[in-house]
Amino acid sequence: MRVVIQRVTEASVTIGGEKVSAIGQGMMVLCGFEEADGPEDLDWTSRKIAALRIFDDEQGVMNRSVVDIGGDILLVSQFTLMASTKKGNRPSYIAAARPETAIPLYEQFKAALAALIGHPIPSGVFGAEMQVALVNDGPVTICIDSKNRI
């Protein structure tokens, strides 16, 4: 499981010209799944995201989590995070989980994050052609792979 986390002042998802989700201050989380991902990946990654101290405290030090600031998370599925670029110039997505595996993982991940931050998680629509807009605050961007925990 791979995620890209961006600290944002605002973010939104638009599908077919209609804005379907939007947040203010918080995190934009792009997530990609592989067939080998399971509950332990979801649990570890969701806890890491909720506790990640990337928001400034009163002294301007990144010492507060999204939970601490009462921020939001906008979750967007993105199978292209699983791309392999080892051979040639066309990325291979062979490692990406098929929809029958990825959709339940996505929904479970969304529920786990909501439980940890204490409110619903706005999201994109799995498999849809989406336009994602955000204002990256900092900029702060963090990449996490659940298979690289050590």
N, C-alpha and C. Protein backbone atom coordinates (compact mmCIF):
# COMPACT_ATOMS: atom_id res chain seq x y z
N MET A 1 0.85 -1.17 0.00
CA MET A 1 0.00 0.00 0.00
C MET A 1 0.90 1.23 0.00
N ARG A 2 0.59 2.14 -0.89
CA ARG A 2 1.35 3.39 -0.96
C ARG A 2 0.40 4.56 -0.82
N VAL A 3 0.87 5.57 -0.09
CA VAL A 3 0.10 6.80 0.04
C VAL A 3 1.02 7.99 -0.18
N VAL A 4 0.44 9.04 -0.74
CA VAL A 4 1.11 10.33 -0.83
C VAL A 4 0.23 11.29 -0.04
N ILE A 5 0.81 11.92 0.95
CA ILE A 5 0.09 12.82 1.84
C ILE A 5 0.57 14.24 1.56
N GLN A 6 -0.36 15.13 1.35
CA GLN A 6 0.00 16.53 1.16
C GLN A 6 -0.76 17.36 2.19
N ARG A 7 0.00 18.19 2.91
CA ARG A 7 -0.63 19.12 3.84
C ARG A 7 -1.26 20.23 3.01
N VAL A 8 -2.55 20.49 3.22
CA VAL A 8 -3.27 21.45 2.38
C VAL A 8 -4.02 22.48 3.20
N THR A 9 -4.24 23.64 2.58
CA THR A 9 -5.15 24.62 3.15
C THR A 9 -6.55 24.41 2.60
N GLU A 10 -6.62 23.75 1.41
CA GLU A 10 -7.90 23.37 0.82
C GLU A 10 -7.63 22.36 -0.28
N ALA A 11 -8.62 21.50 -0.55
CA ALA A 11 -8.52 20.51 -1.61
C ALA A 11 -9.92 20.09 -2.03
N SER A 12 -10.03 19.66 -3.29
CA SER A 12 -11.34 19.23 -3.79
C SER A 12 -11.19 18.21 -4.91
N VAL A 13 -12.28 17.48 -5.15
CA VAL A 13 -12.37 16.53 -6.24
C VAL A 13 -13.59 16.90 -7.08
N THR A 14 -13.37 17.00 -8.39
CA THR A 14 -14.44 17.30 -9.34
C THR A 14 -14.54 16.15 -10.33
N ILE A 15 -15.78 15.73 -10.61
CA ILE A 15 -16.03 14.67 -11.58
C ILE A 15 -17.10 15.17 -12.55
N GLY A 16 -16.77 15.16 -13.83
CA GLY A 16 -17.73 15.60 -14.83
C GLY A 16 -18.22 17.02 -14.63
N GLY A 17 -17.35 17.90 -14.16
CA GLY A 17 -17.70 19.29 -13.94
C GLY A 17 -18.40 19.57 -12.63
N GLU A 18 -18.67 18.52 -11.83
CA GLU A 18 -19.36 18.70 -10.54
C GLU A 18 -18.41 18.41 -9.38
N LYS A 19 -18.28 19.37 -8.47
CA LYS A 19 -17.43 19.17 -7.29
C LYS A 19 -18.12 18.16 -6.38
N VAL A 20 -17.46 17.02 -6.12
CA VAL A 20 -18.08 15.96 -5.31
C VAL A 20 -17.57 15.93 -3.88
N SER A 21 -16.39 16.49 -3.63
CA SER A 21 -15.82 16.52 -2.28
C SER A 21 -14.90 17.71 -2.15
N ALA A 22 -14.84 18.26 -0.95
CA ALA A 22 -13.93 19.38 -0.69
C ALA A 22 -13.64 19.45 0.80
N ILE A 23 -12.43 19.92 1.12
CA ILE A 23 -12.04 20.13 2.51
C ILE A 23 -11.33 21.46 2.63
N GLY A 24 -11.19 21.92 3.86
CA GLY A 24 -10.35 23.06 4.19
C GLY A 24 -9.01 22.53 4.66
N GLN A 25 -8.51 23.06 5.76
CA GLN A 25 -7.19 22.68 6.26
C GLN A 25 -7.16 21.19 6.63
N GLY A 26 -6.09 20.54 6.22
CA GLY A 26 -5.92 19.13 6.54
C GLY A 26 -4.96 18.46 5.60
N MET A 27 -5.35 17.25 5.15
CA MET A 27 -4.49 16.43 4.31
C MET A 27 -5.23 15.94 3.08
N MET A 28 -4.57 15.99 1.95
CA MET A 28 -5.00 15.26 0.76
C MET A 28 -4.21 13.97 0.80
N VAL A 29 -4.91 12.83 0.77
CA VAL A 29 -4.24 11.53 0.80
C VAL A 29 -4.59 10.76 -0.47
N LEU A 30 -3.59 10.53 -1.30
CA LEU A 30 -3.73 9.68 -2.48
C LEU A 30 -3.28 8.29 -2.08
N CYS A 31 -4.07 7.25 -2.43
CA CYS A 31 -3.73 5.90 -1.99
C CYS A 31 -3.80 4.91 -3.14
N GLY A 32 -2.84 3.98 -3.14
CA GLY A 32 -2.79 2.90 -4.12
C GLY A 32 -2.59 1.58 -3.40
N PHE A 33 -3.22 0.54 -3.92
CA PHE A 33 -3.17 -0.78 -3.28
C PHE A 33 -2.59 -1.82 -4.22
N GLU A 34 -1.96 -2.86 -3.63
CA GLU A 34 -1.51 -4.01 -4.39
C GLU A 34 -2.22 -5.24 -3.86
N GLU A 35 -2.20 -6.32 -4.62
CA GLU A 35 -2.93 -7.54 -4.26
C GLU A 35 -2.53 -8.07 -2.88
N ALA A 36 -1.28 -7.89 -2.49
CA ALA A 36 -0.80 -8.43 -1.21
C ALA A 36 -1.22 -7.61 0.00
N ASP A 37 -1.84 -6.46 -0.19
CA ASP A 37 -2.23 -5.62 0.94
C ASP A 37 -3.39 -6.26 1.70
N GLY A 38 -3.36 -6.03 3.00
CA GLY A 38 -4.41 -6.59 3.86
C GLY A 38 -4.68 -5.69 5.06
N PRO A 39 -5.41 -6.21 6.03
CA PRO A 39 -5.80 -5.42 7.21
C PRO A 39 -4.63 -4.80 7.96
N GLU A 40 -3.50 -5.52 8.03
CA GLU A 40 -2.35 -4.98 8.76
C GLU A 40 -1.78 -3.75 8.06
N ASP A 41 -1.82 -3.71 6.73
CA ASP A 41 -1.36 -2.54 5.98
C ASP A 41 -2.29 -1.35 6.22
N LEU A 42 -3.59 -1.62 6.18
CA LEU A 42 -4.58 -0.56 6.42
C LEU A 42 -4.44 0.02 7.82
N ASP A 43 -4.32 -0.87 8.80
CA ASP A 43 -4.22 -0.44 10.19
C ASP A 43 -2.97 0.40 10.42
N TRP A 44 -1.82 -0.11 10.00
CA TRP A 44 -0.56 0.60 10.22
C TRP A 44 -0.57 1.96 9.51
N THR A 45 -1.01 1.97 8.25
CA THR A 45 -0.98 3.21 7.47
C THR A 45 -1.97 4.23 8.00
N SER A 46 -3.17 3.82 8.35
CA SER A 46 -4.16 4.77 8.86
C SER A 46 -3.70 5.38 10.19
N ARG A 47 -3.12 4.55 11.06
CA ARG A 47 -2.61 5.07 12.34
C ARG A 47 -1.44 6.04 12.12
N LYS A 48 -0.58 5.71 11.16
CA LYS A 48 0.56 6.58 10.85
C LYS A 48 0.07 7.94 10.35
N ILE A 49 -0.92 7.92 9.46
CA ILE A 49 -1.44 9.17 8.89
C ILE A 49 -2.09 10.02 9.98
N ALA A 50 -2.94 9.43 10.81
CA ALA A 50 -3.64 10.19 11.85
C ALA A 50 -2.68 10.79 12.86
N ALA A 51 -1.56 10.13 13.11
CA ALA A 51 -0.61 10.61 14.12
C ALA A 51 0.53 11.44 13.54
N LEU A 52 0.63 11.52 12.22
CA LEU A 52 1.73 12.21 11.57
C LEU A 52 1.75 13.69 11.97
N ARG A 53 2.85 14.13 12.55
CA ARG A 53 2.96 15.50 13.04
C ARG A 53 3.56 16.40 11.96
N ILE A 54 2.67 16.94 11.12
CA ILE A 54 3.12 17.79 10.01
C ILE A 54 2.47 19.17 10.04
N PHE A 55 1.75 19.48 11.12
CA PHE A 55 1.12 20.79 11.25
C PHE A 55 1.83 21.58 12.33
N ASP A 56 1.95 22.89 12.10
CA ASP A 56 2.70 23.75 13.00
C ASP A 56 2.02 23.94 14.35
N ASP A 57 2.86 23.98 15.39
CA ASP A 57 2.38 24.36 16.72
C ASP A 57 2.52 25.88 16.86
N GLU A 58 2.35 26.39 18.07
CA GLU A 58 2.39 27.83 18.31
C GLU A 58 3.77 28.43 18.03
N GLN A 59 4.82 27.61 18.07
CA GLN A 59 6.18 28.08 17.80
C GLN A 59 6.58 27.89 16.33
N GLY A 60 5.64 27.44 15.50
CA GLY A 60 5.94 27.25 14.09
C GLY A 60 6.70 25.96 13.79
N VAL A 61 6.67 25.03 14.73
CA VAL A 61 7.34 23.74 14.57
C VAL A 61 6.30 22.69 14.18
N MET A 62 6.62 21.85 13.19
CA MET A 62 5.69 20.79 12.80
C MET A 62 5.62 19.77 13.93
N ASN A 63 4.63 19.95 14.79
CA ASN A 63 4.52 19.15 16.00
C ASN A 63 3.09 18.72 16.29
N ARG A 64 2.17 18.99 15.36
CA ARG A 64 0.76 18.66 15.60
C ARG A 64 0.24 17.76 14.47
N SER A 65 -0.68 16.88 14.83
CA SER A 65 -1.28 15.96 13.86
C SER A 65 -2.58 16.54 13.32
N VAL A 66 -3.13 15.89 12.31
CA VAL A 66 -4.43 16.30 11.76
C VAL A 66 -5.51 16.19 12.84
N VAL A 67 -5.38 15.23 13.73
CA VAL A 67 -6.32 15.09 14.84
C VAL A 67 -6.18 16.28 15.79
N ASP A 68 -4.94 16.65 16.11
CA ASP A 68 -4.68 17.77 17.03
C ASP A 68 -5.30 19.07 16.53
N ILE A 69 -5.27 19.30 15.22
CA ILE A 69 -5.78 20.57 14.70
C ILE A 69 -7.26 20.50 14.31
N GLY A 70 -7.86 19.31 14.43
CA GLY A 70 -9.25 19.15 14.02
C GLY A 70 -9.42 19.28 12.51
N GLY A 71 -8.39 18.86 11.78
CA GLY A 71 -8.39 19.00 10.32
C GLY A 71 -9.14 17.87 9.62
N ASP A 72 -9.24 18.01 8.32
CA ASP A 72 -9.92 17.04 7.48
C ASP A 72 -8.92 16.23 6.67
N ILE A 73 -9.40 15.11 6.15
CA ILE A 73 -8.64 14.31 5.20
C ILE A 73 -9.52 14.10 3.98
N LEU A 74 -8.97 14.38 2.80
CA LEU A 74 -9.64 14.08 1.54
C LEU A 74 -8.90 12.89 0.94
N LEU A 75 -9.61 11.77 0.76
CA LEU A 75 -9.01 10.51 0.32
C LEU A 75 -9.35 10.25 -1.14
N VAL A 76 -8.32 9.98 -1.94
CA VAL A 76 -8.51 9.73 -3.37
C VAL A 76 -7.72 8.48 -3.76
N SER A 77 -8.40 7.52 -4.38
CA SER A 77 -7.72 6.32 -4.87
C SER A 77 -6.91 6.67 -6.11
N GLN A 78 -5.72 6.09 -6.21
CA GLN A 78 -4.86 6.37 -7.35
C GLN A 78 -3.97 5.17 -7.63
N PHE A 79 -4.44 4.29 -8.51
CA PHE A 79 -3.68 3.07 -8.82
C PHE A 79 -2.32 3.37 -9.42
N THR A 80 -2.14 4.54 -10.01
CA THR A 80 -0.85 4.87 -10.63
C THR A 80 0.28 5.00 -9.61
N LEU A 81 -0.04 5.06 -8.32
CA LEU A 81 1.00 5.07 -7.29
C LEU A 81 1.76 3.74 -7.28
N MET A 82 1.16 2.70 -7.84
CA MET A 82 1.79 1.39 -7.86
C MET A 82 2.63 1.18 -9.13
N ALA A 83 2.83 2.23 -9.90
CA ALA A 83 3.56 2.12 -11.17
C ALA A 83 4.99 1.66 -10.98
N SER A 84 5.42 0.84 -11.90
CA SER A 84 6.83 0.46 -11.99
C SER A 84 7.41 1.12 -13.23
N THR A 85 8.55 1.76 -13.06
CA THR A 85 9.20 2.44 -14.19
C THR A 85 10.59 1.85 -14.45
N LYS A 86 10.79 0.61 -14.03
CA LYS A 86 12.11 -0.02 -14.17
C LYS A 86 12.50 -0.26 -15.62
N LYS A 87 11.54 -0.64 -16.46
CA LYS A 87 11.84 -0.94 -17.86
C LYS A 87 11.13 0.04 -18.77
N GLY A 88 11.86 0.57 -19.71
CA GLY A 88 11.27 1.44 -20.72
C GLY A 88 10.73 2.74 -20.17
N ASN A 89 9.89 3.39 -20.97
CA ASN A 89 9.34 4.69 -20.60
C ASN A 89 7.85 4.66 -20.33
N ARG A 90 7.22 3.52 -20.56
CA ARG A 90 5.79 3.40 -20.28
C ARG A 90 5.64 2.68 -18.94
N PRO A 91 5.04 3.33 -17.93
CA PRO A 91 4.89 2.69 -16.63
C PRO A 91 4.05 1.41 -16.72
N SER A 92 4.39 0.46 -15.89
CA SER A 92 3.63 -0.78 -15.77
C SER A 92 2.82 -0.72 -14.47
N TYR A 93 1.57 -1.11 -14.55
CA TYR A 93 0.69 -1.09 -13.38
C TYR A 93 0.33 -2.50 -12.94
N ILE A 94 1.16 -3.46 -13.28
CA ILE A 94 0.89 -4.87 -12.98
C ILE A 94 0.79 -5.12 -11.47
N ALA A 95 1.46 -4.31 -10.67
CA ALA A 95 1.44 -4.49 -9.21
C ALA A 95 0.17 -3.94 -8.57
N ALA A 96 -0.57 -3.12 -9.28
CA ALA A 96 -1.79 -2.53 -8.71
C ALA A 96 -2.85 -3.59 -8.50
N ALA A 97 -3.54 -3.51 -7.38
CA ALA A 97 -4.62 -4.45 -7.08
C ALA A 97 -5.76 -4.28 -8.07
N ARG A 98 -6.38 -5.39 -8.43
CA ARG A 98 -7.56 -5.34 -9.29
C ARG A 98 -8.72 -4.75 -8.50
N PRO A 99 -9.71 -4.17 -9.16
CA PRO A 99 -10.83 -3.53 -8.46
C PRO A 99 -11.51 -4.39 -7.40
N GLU A 100 -11.65 -5.69 -7.67
CA GLU A 100 -12.33 -6.55 -6.69
C GLU A 100 -11.55 -6.66 -5.37
N THR A 101 -10.26 -6.39 -5.41
CA THR A 101 -9.45 -6.34 -4.19
C THR A 101 -9.34 -4.91 -3.68
N ALA A 102 -9.09 -3.98 -4.58
CA ALA A 102 -8.80 -2.60 -4.19
C ALA A 102 -10.02 -1.87 -3.62
N ILE A 103 -11.20 -2.08 -4.17
CA ILE A 103 -12.38 -1.34 -3.69
C ILE A 103 -12.67 -1.64 -2.22
N PRO A 104 -12.72 -2.92 -1.80
CA PRO A 104 -12.94 -3.17 -0.37
C PRO A 104 -11.83 -2.58 0.51
N LEU A 105 -10.57 -2.66 0.05
CA LEU A 105 -9.47 -2.06 0.82
C LEU A 105 -9.66 -0.56 0.95
N TYR A 106 -10.04 0.09 -0.13
CA TYR A 106 -10.27 1.54 -0.12
C TYR A 106 -11.36 1.91 0.88
N GLU A 107 -12.47 1.19 0.85
CA GLU A 107 -13.58 1.47 1.76
C GLU A 107 -13.19 1.21 3.22
N GLN A 108 -12.43 0.15 3.46
CA GLN A 108 -11.97 -0.15 4.82
C GLN A 108 -10.98 0.91 5.30
N PHE A 109 -10.11 1.36 4.41
CA PHE A 109 -9.14 2.41 4.74
C PHE A 109 -9.86 3.70 5.10
N LYS A 110 -10.85 4.05 4.31
CA LYS A 110 -11.65 5.25 4.56
C LYS A 110 -12.33 5.17 5.94
N ALA A 111 -12.90 4.01 6.27
CA ALA A 111 -13.56 3.83 7.56
C ALA A 111 -12.56 3.90 8.72
N ALA A 112 -11.38 3.31 8.53
CA ALA A 112 -10.35 3.34 9.57
C ALA A 112 -9.88 4.77 9.84
N LEU A 113 -9.66 5.54 8.78
CA LEU A 113 -9.25 6.94 8.96
C LEU A 113 -10.34 7.75 9.65
N ALA A 114 -11.59 7.53 9.26
CA ALA A 114 -12.72 8.25 9.87
C ALA A 114 -12.79 7.96 11.37
N ALA A 115 -12.60 6.71 11.75
CA ALA A 115 -12.64 6.33 13.17
C ALA A 115 -11.52 7.01 13.94
N LEU A 116 -10.35 7.11 13.33
CA LEU A 116 -9.20 7.71 14.02
C LEU A 116 -9.30 9.22 14.15
N ILE A 117 -9.87 9.90 13.15
CA ILE A 117 -9.94 11.36 13.25
C ILE A 117 -11.27 11.85 13.80
N GLY A 118 -12.24 10.95 13.92
CA GLY A 118 -13.48 11.30 14.60
C GLY A 118 -14.56 11.94 13.75
N HIS A 119 -14.40 11.91 12.43
CA HIS A 119 -15.47 12.41 11.56
C HIS A 119 -15.33 11.80 10.16
N PRO A 120 -16.39 11.88 9.35
CA PRO A 120 -16.35 11.26 8.03
C PRO A 120 -15.22 11.80 7.15
N ILE A 121 -14.79 10.94 6.22
CA ILE A 121 -13.72 11.28 5.30
C ILE A 121 -14.31 11.55 3.93
N PRO A 122 -14.26 12.80 3.45
CA PRO A 122 -14.67 13.05 2.06
C PRO A 122 -13.72 12.31 1.12
N SER A 123 -14.20 11.94 -0.04
CA SER A 123 -13.35 11.16 -0.94
C SER A 123 -13.71 11.38 -2.39
N GLY A 124 -12.85 10.83 -3.23
CA GLY A 124 -13.15 10.76 -4.65
C GLY A 124 -14.03 9.55 -4.89
N VAL A 125 -14.22 9.20 -6.14
CA VAL A 125 -15.01 8.03 -6.51
C VAL A 125 -14.07 7.02 -7.14
N PHE A 126 -13.98 5.84 -6.56
CA PHE A 126 -13.05 4.83 -7.02
C PHE A 126 -13.26 4.57 -8.51
N GLY A 127 -12.17 4.64 -9.28
CA GLY A 127 -12.21 4.32 -10.70
C GLY A 127 -12.70 5.44 -11.61
N ALA A 128 -13.16 6.54 -11.03
CA ALA A 128 -13.68 7.64 -11.85
C ALA A 128 -12.54 8.49 -12.39
N GLU A 129 -12.81 9.17 -13.49
CA GLU A 129 -11.89 10.17 -14.03
C GLU A 129 -12.12 11.44 -13.21
N MET A 130 -11.15 11.82 -12.40
CA MET A 130 -11.32 12.92 -11.46
C MET A 130 -10.34 14.05 -11.74
N GLN A 131 -10.76 15.26 -11.42
CA GLN A 131 -9.87 16.40 -11.40
C GLN A 131 -9.69 16.75 -9.93
N VAL A 132 -8.44 16.75 -9.52
CA VAL A 132 -8.11 17.01 -8.12
C VAL A 132 -7.43 18.37 -8.04
N ALA A 133 -7.94 19.21 -7.16
CA ALA A 133 -7.35 20.53 -6.95
C ALA A 133 -6.94 20.65 -5.50
N LEU A 134 -5.79 21.30 -5.28
CA LEU A 134 -5.36 21.49 -3.90
C LEU A 134 -4.40 22.66 -3.81
N VAL A 135 -4.34 23.19 -2.61
CA VAL A 135 -3.32 24.18 -2.29
C VAL A 135 -2.43 23.52 -1.25
N ASN A 136 -1.23 23.10 -1.70
CA ASN A 136 -0.28 22.43 -0.82
C ASN A 136 0.32 23.48 0.10
N ASP A 137 0.20 23.24 1.39
CA ASP A 137 0.63 24.18 2.42
C ASP A 137 2.05 23.86 2.83
N GLY A 138 3.00 24.71 2.50
CA GLY A 138 4.38 24.51 2.92
C GLY A 138 5.38 24.76 1.81
N PRO A 139 5.47 23.90 0.83
CA PRO A 139 4.75 22.66 0.62
C PRO A 139 5.26 21.53 1.52
N VAL A 140 4.32 20.69 1.93
CA VAL A 140 4.65 19.50 2.71
C VAL A 140 4.03 18.31 1.99
N THR A 141 4.88 17.37 1.56
CA THR A 141 4.44 16.16 0.89
C THR A 141 5.23 14.99 1.46
N ILE A 142 4.50 13.95 1.90
CA ILE A 142 5.10 12.78 2.53
C ILE A 142 4.63 11.54 1.78
N CYS A 143 5.57 10.64 1.44
CA CYS A 143 5.23 9.37 0.80
C CYS A 143 5.45 8.24 1.79
N ILE A 144 4.49 7.33 1.87
CA ILE A 144 4.58 6.19 2.78
C ILE A 144 4.23 4.92 2.02
N ASP A 145 5.02 3.88 2.22
CA ASP A 145 4.76 2.56 1.66
C ASP A 145 4.66 1.59 2.84
N SER A 146 3.52 0.91 2.97
CA SER A 146 3.33 0.03 4.12
C SER A 146 4.28 -1.17 4.10
N LYS A 147 4.90 -1.44 2.97
CA LYS A 147 5.86 -2.55 2.89
C LYS A 147 7.27 -2.11 3.31
N ASN A 148 7.46 -0.82 3.57
CA ASN A 148 8.75 -0.28 4.02
C ASN A 148 8.61 0.33 5.39
N ARG A 149 8.24 -0.45 6.37
CA ARG A 149 7.98 0.05 7.73
C ARG A 149 9.23 0.25 8.55
N ILE A 150 10.31 -0.37 8.16
CA ILE A 150 11.53 -0.30 8.97
C ILE A 150 12.47 0.74 8.41
